[in-house]
């Protein structure tokens, strides 16, 4: 069953770590008032926190803590809602999944 969470990208569409550039096919787009989800990203097997897989935050609170402790600021990032599926690993600061797709861009304010 898929779960919905959060993913931060730099404004140049690179991941925060690992220098992975996300293609336009992976990103959602808006038609009128409706967001069209991006394509599912390739399945990543043998996932490991901080090493391999599609990383995301399970809550806004987790994402805010990460940004306060890191070197990234809201003005440098884009926040997305993402859907994850397959095997998922979690710790108190982040999570990683085998499968992920971007659902829509969201505001940093609730």
Protein backbone atom coordinates (compact mmCIF):
# COMPACT_ATOMS: atom_id res chain seq x y z
CA UNK A 1 0.00 0.00 0.00
CA UNK A 2 1.36 3.43 -0.95
CA UNK A 3 2.07 6.11 1.68
CA UNK A 4 2.19 9.91 1.16
CA UNK A 5 5.10 11.95 2.58
CA UNK A 6 7.50 14.85 1.76
CA UNK A 7 10.58 15.29 -0.43
CA UNK A 8 12.87 18.31 -0.73
CA UNK A 9 14.76 19.14 -3.91
CA UNK A 10 17.10 22.01 -4.63
CA UNK A 11 15.65 24.58 -7.01
CA UNK A 12 17.90 23.20 -9.77
CA UNK A 13 16.00 19.87 -9.29
CA UNK A 14 18.98 18.07 -7.78
CA UNK A 15 18.62 15.99 -4.64
CA UNK A 16 19.97 17.57 -1.46
CA UNK A 17 22.71 14.93 -1.30
CA UNK A 18 24.05 12.64 -3.96
CA UNK A 19 23.74 15.07 -6.87
CA UNK A 20 20.87 13.20 -8.49
CA UNK A 21 19.07 15.40 -11.03
CA UNK A 22 15.36 14.59 -11.36
CA UNK A 23 13.96 14.69 -14.89
CA UNK A 24 10.80 16.50 -15.90
CA UNK A 25 9.07 13.11 -16.39
CA UNK A 26 9.53 12.43 -12.68
CA UNK A 27 8.04 15.75 -11.58
CA UNK A 28 4.36 16.60 -11.29
CA UNK A 29 2.79 19.36 -13.35
CA UNK A 30 -0.34 21.42 -13.00
CA UNK A 31 -3.25 21.50 -15.46
CA UNK A 32 -5.68 24.18 -14.35
CA UNK A 33 -6.11 23.55 -10.63
CA UNK A 34 -5.19 19.84 -10.83
CA UNK A 35 -1.75 18.36 -10.19
CA UNK A 36 -0.76 15.44 -12.46
CA UNK A 37 1.68 13.12 -10.62
CA UNK A 38 5.09 12.38 -12.08
CA UNK A 39 6.08 8.90 -13.24
CA UNK A 40 7.16 6.32 -10.68
CA UNK A 41 10.94 6.46 -10.29
CA UNK A 42 12.93 3.29 -11.04
CA UNK A 43 12.72 0.67 -8.30
CA UNK A 44 15.77 0.71 -6.03
CA UNK A 45 16.51 -2.67 -4.43
CA UNK A 46 18.71 -3.30 -1.36
CA UNK A 47 17.71 0.04 0.19
CA UNK A 48 19.78 1.44 3.07
CA UNK A 49 19.28 4.69 4.98
CA UNK A 50 21.75 7.38 3.83
CA UNK A 51 23.12 5.10 1.10
CA UNK A 52 20.62 3.66 -1.36
CA UNK A 53 16.97 4.22 -2.20
CA UNK A 54 14.52 7.09 -2.49
CA UNK A 55 14.84 9.24 0.64
CA UNK A 56 11.98 11.31 2.05
CA UNK A 57 10.54 12.80 5.23
CA UNK A 58 7.57 11.23 6.98
CA UNK A 59 6.29 14.56 8.37
CA UNK A 60 6.64 18.32 8.05
CA UNK A 61 8.10 18.38 11.55
CA UNK A 62 10.85 15.93 10.53
CA UNK A 63 11.61 18.05 7.44
CA UNK A 64 11.74 21.30 9.46
CA UNK A 65 14.17 19.75 11.97
CA UNK A 66 16.39 18.62 9.11
CA UNK A 67 16.46 22.08 7.55
CA UNK A 68 17.25 23.76 10.89
CA UNK A 69 20.17 21.40 11.50
CA UNK A 70 21.48 21.38 7.94
CA UNK A 71 22.77 23.87 5.46
CA UNK A 72 19.60 24.12 3.40
CA UNK A 73 17.09 26.94 3.53
CA UNK A 74 13.56 27.31 2.20
CA UNK A 75 14.62 29.82 -0.44
CA UNK A 76 16.95 27.19 -1.93
CA UNK A 77 14.49 24.29 -1.99
CA UNK A 78 11.20 23.08 -3.44
CA UNK A 79 8.92 20.95 -1.28
CA UNK A 80 6.90 18.10 -2.82
CA UNK A 81 4.35 15.60 -1.59
CA UNK A 82 5.51 12.15 -2.64
CA UNK A 83 3.97 8.71 -2.67
CA UNK A 84 6.18 5.77 -1.69
CA UNK A 85 5.68 2.05 -2.02
CA UNK A 86 7.52 -1.23 -1.63
CA UNK A 87 9.96 -1.81 1.21
CA UNK A 88 10.42 1.23 3.50
CA UNK A 89 13.06 1.81 6.21
CA UNK A 90 12.75 4.60 8.81
CA UNK A 91 14.68 6.24 11.60
CA UNK A 92 13.88 9.34 13.65
CA UNK A 93 15.17 11.80 11.02
CA UNK A 94 14.31 10.32 7.62
CA UNK A 95 13.06 7.34 5.66
CA UNK A 96 13.94 5.50 2.46
CA UNK A 97 11.77 3.50 0.06
CA UNK A 98 12.17 1.21 -2.93
CA UNK A 99 9.61 3.14 -4.98
CA UNK A 100 8.60 6.79 -5.11
CA UNK A 101 6.76 9.30 -7.28
CA UNK A 102 6.19 13.03 -6.92
CA UNK A 103 2.51 13.97 -6.46
CA UNK A 104 2.51 17.77 -6.26
CA UNK A 105 4.53 20.77 -5.21
CA UNK A 106 3.46 22.19 -1.84
CA UNK A 107 4.05 25.37 0.10
CA UNK A 108 6.32 25.43 3.14
CA UNK A 109 3.45 27.02 5.05
CA UNK A 110 0.50 24.86 6.03
